[in-house]
Structures are given as structure tokens and as C-alpha cells.
Amino acid sequence: MTRQPWHDVAEAFLLPLLALSGALLMFGLWVWFGGHDPLQAWTLLFKGAFGDAFSWQNTLQRAAPLMLTALCVAIPARAGLTVIGGEGALVLGGLACAGLPYLMTMPAGAAGTAMLLLVAALAGAAWIALAGALRQFRGVNETISSLLLGYIAIALFKHFVEGPMRDPASLNKPSTLPLDESLLIGTMFGYDVHWGLAFGVVLCCVAALWLGGSTHGFATRVVGGNARAARLVGLPAHRLIITACALGGAAAGLAGGIEVAAVHTSANAALIGGLGYAGILVSFVARHHPLAVIPVAILFGGFGAAGSLLQRRMGLPDASVQVLLGFAFVLILAGEALRGRLLPLAGWLPVRQPLPQAKAA
């Protein structure tokens, strides 16, 4: 029996679901080995994420940057690249956002905020585009180069924040000068959720429309499927791949700018919180589909929001949810080995038998 399109769709839902279920089970075992009740941990995990209005606001605020950093992985992945340097693009975007007022007088209000976010996006775009250019013109593996570029970006960030751009008033925690209040991003409709969430949702939708409904997006997906065949039919593979990297980097850089303008008000070490690395997991769970990134980012934002509740009620470290994310990432990667084989193993799809070979005369 030949595989039908719905088989791939079913596996696209089942594999992440099984991986997340397995990660929750392993997290419960880890909690149990530590002398705590896994049932209570699971209950608090979902209560802290989605239990009430306060939990939902905390979850959505944490999900906003995850959507953007996940796009830094998802968009290049559709062009055939595995880019994991979103953390570097994010911190450089935040640094550019905080550093622009050092270079020029900013107009007050929305115009100034738009300039800050634009320069943040450009900084992230240039950084990830560099990884794409190294891949295309020098043959450097983009996974390694983007990761190493991320470390370089963090080093540059610390140099400027703790050196030339340091606010003399920031004693214990080196920071840049705080942004003017008129440049800050406010909250949405009176809730404790900043407008970065709207940026994330809109950009995920725009990315999905671009990939699925435009000739440029279609050409990018063709290059991701087979770059050599794309070049044979005349597609500009180099330009398409570098553009995909730049768009993904722009999303991560924008996330850094939003974190500065909406959360921290200045660039400091709090910006290096692993949001870029968490975006890698979000993208892989979403199978690099921009629309699927939205609910997955909300789910993992909720897990991050529940860490403080686990700490207060059970005495677990606030970072214990990172163990859960680690389990999920390992199982998601392991689940790729079952791609195309899950339904036959479950007995839902007969395994195709090989044709008998003709006997030699």
C-alpha cells in the first residue's frame, strides 16, 4: 500500500506529541529520583503555565521572543540549512537597539521605536547572513559557523556593555544607558503582555504566506529540497539561501530589540538567557513550519513560566524546566529516525514488500 499525504500529516503531529509525552514522563522520573512527587510536578507545570490569567500573561510574554528566534531556525531550514546561531543574532539585535541612541538623537514616540527595532533586525540579519555566505562561498558548515558566530556575538556584547557603552550608574550589573521612556514598547490592551507578541504572531503568519504563496518562497523551498537541481533549472541558489538566512537573522535580531525596548529597557547580561537556543527546540518541534511555531512557542513559554511555581511549591530549582526542554530536544531528534516508519510500526499502514528478484539463469 502506497503512503498517502495524510500519512505524512499524521506523523508530523504524532512524532512531536510522542516526544513531548516522553519528555514529560522522563521529567517526572527525574523529579521522583530527587525525592518529589511527579504528579504534583506535572500539575504545577501546567498550572503555572495556563492555570489562570496571570499565568497566561506570563506565558504569552515569554512566548513572544521564542516565536522570533524559532523563525531564525525555521526559515533557513526551508532553504536546506541548519542554523543554530539565533542567540548571537538576538544579543546583537539588543545591543544595536540599545546602542543607536549613543550615535544619534532619537525622535520620540513610535518613529524612534521603529528605528530601534529596524536597526536591531538589520544587525541580526547581517550576522546570520554571514553564516549563509560562509556556507555558499567558502564551504563552511552553517551549523558550526552559526554556533561559533553566536559565541563571538556574545563576546562582543559583553565587551561593549561592560566597557565603552557601560552606564556609570550600573554598579553591580553592567548595563547600557536606559532607553528614553518614550521609546519603550507598551503592553497590549491593558494586559501584562507587550506588543512583541503581536510582532511574533504576525511575522510567523507572513513567513508562512511567503513560503507557501509566493514565487520567491517557492523557489526557496525548491533550493531546500535539492540545491543542485535548483541551480540546473536556473534558480539563484546562492542569493536565495543567503536571503533566507538574513530573514531568519532579522527575526532573531528583532527579538533582541523587543526584549530591550519592552522588558529590560537597556542591554545587560539578562539578555543572554538562552532564548535563541530555546528557539531551536521550538522550530524542530514545529517541523520548521512558521504557523506551527506559534502554538509550540506558547507551550514552551508556558513551561518557562512554570519554573518559579515549581521552585516555590516543591523547592525545585527555577531552571529545572531546562531539564524538561533538554529531554524534549533529545527525543525530538531521536524521533526523526521514525520518520516514514511510525505508521507501519503501529500497524496502521502495511509495510511494502520488496518485489521478488528474478533468479539467475
Foldseek 3Di string as FASTA:
>chain_A
DDDDPVVLVVLLVVLLVVLLVVLLVVLLVVVVVVVDHSVVVVVLLVCCCPVDQVNVQLLLQQLLLLLLLLLLQLLLLLLAAGAQQLLLLLQQLLVQLQCPCVPDPADFAPRRLVVSLQRLLQSQLVLQLVLLCCCPPVVDRSHVSSNVSSVVSVVVSCCCQVPVQFDPVPDPWRWGDFDDPRNAFDPPPPGSHTCSSVVSQVVLVVLLCCLPPHPLNVLSNVSSVPVVVSVVVPHPSSVSSSVSNSNSRSSSSSSNSNCCRYPVRTRTPVSSPCSSNLSSLLCLSQVSRSNSSNVSSSSVSSSLSSLVVCCVPPVDHSCSSVSSSVSSSVSSVVSVVCNVPPCCVVVNDPDDDDDDDDDDD
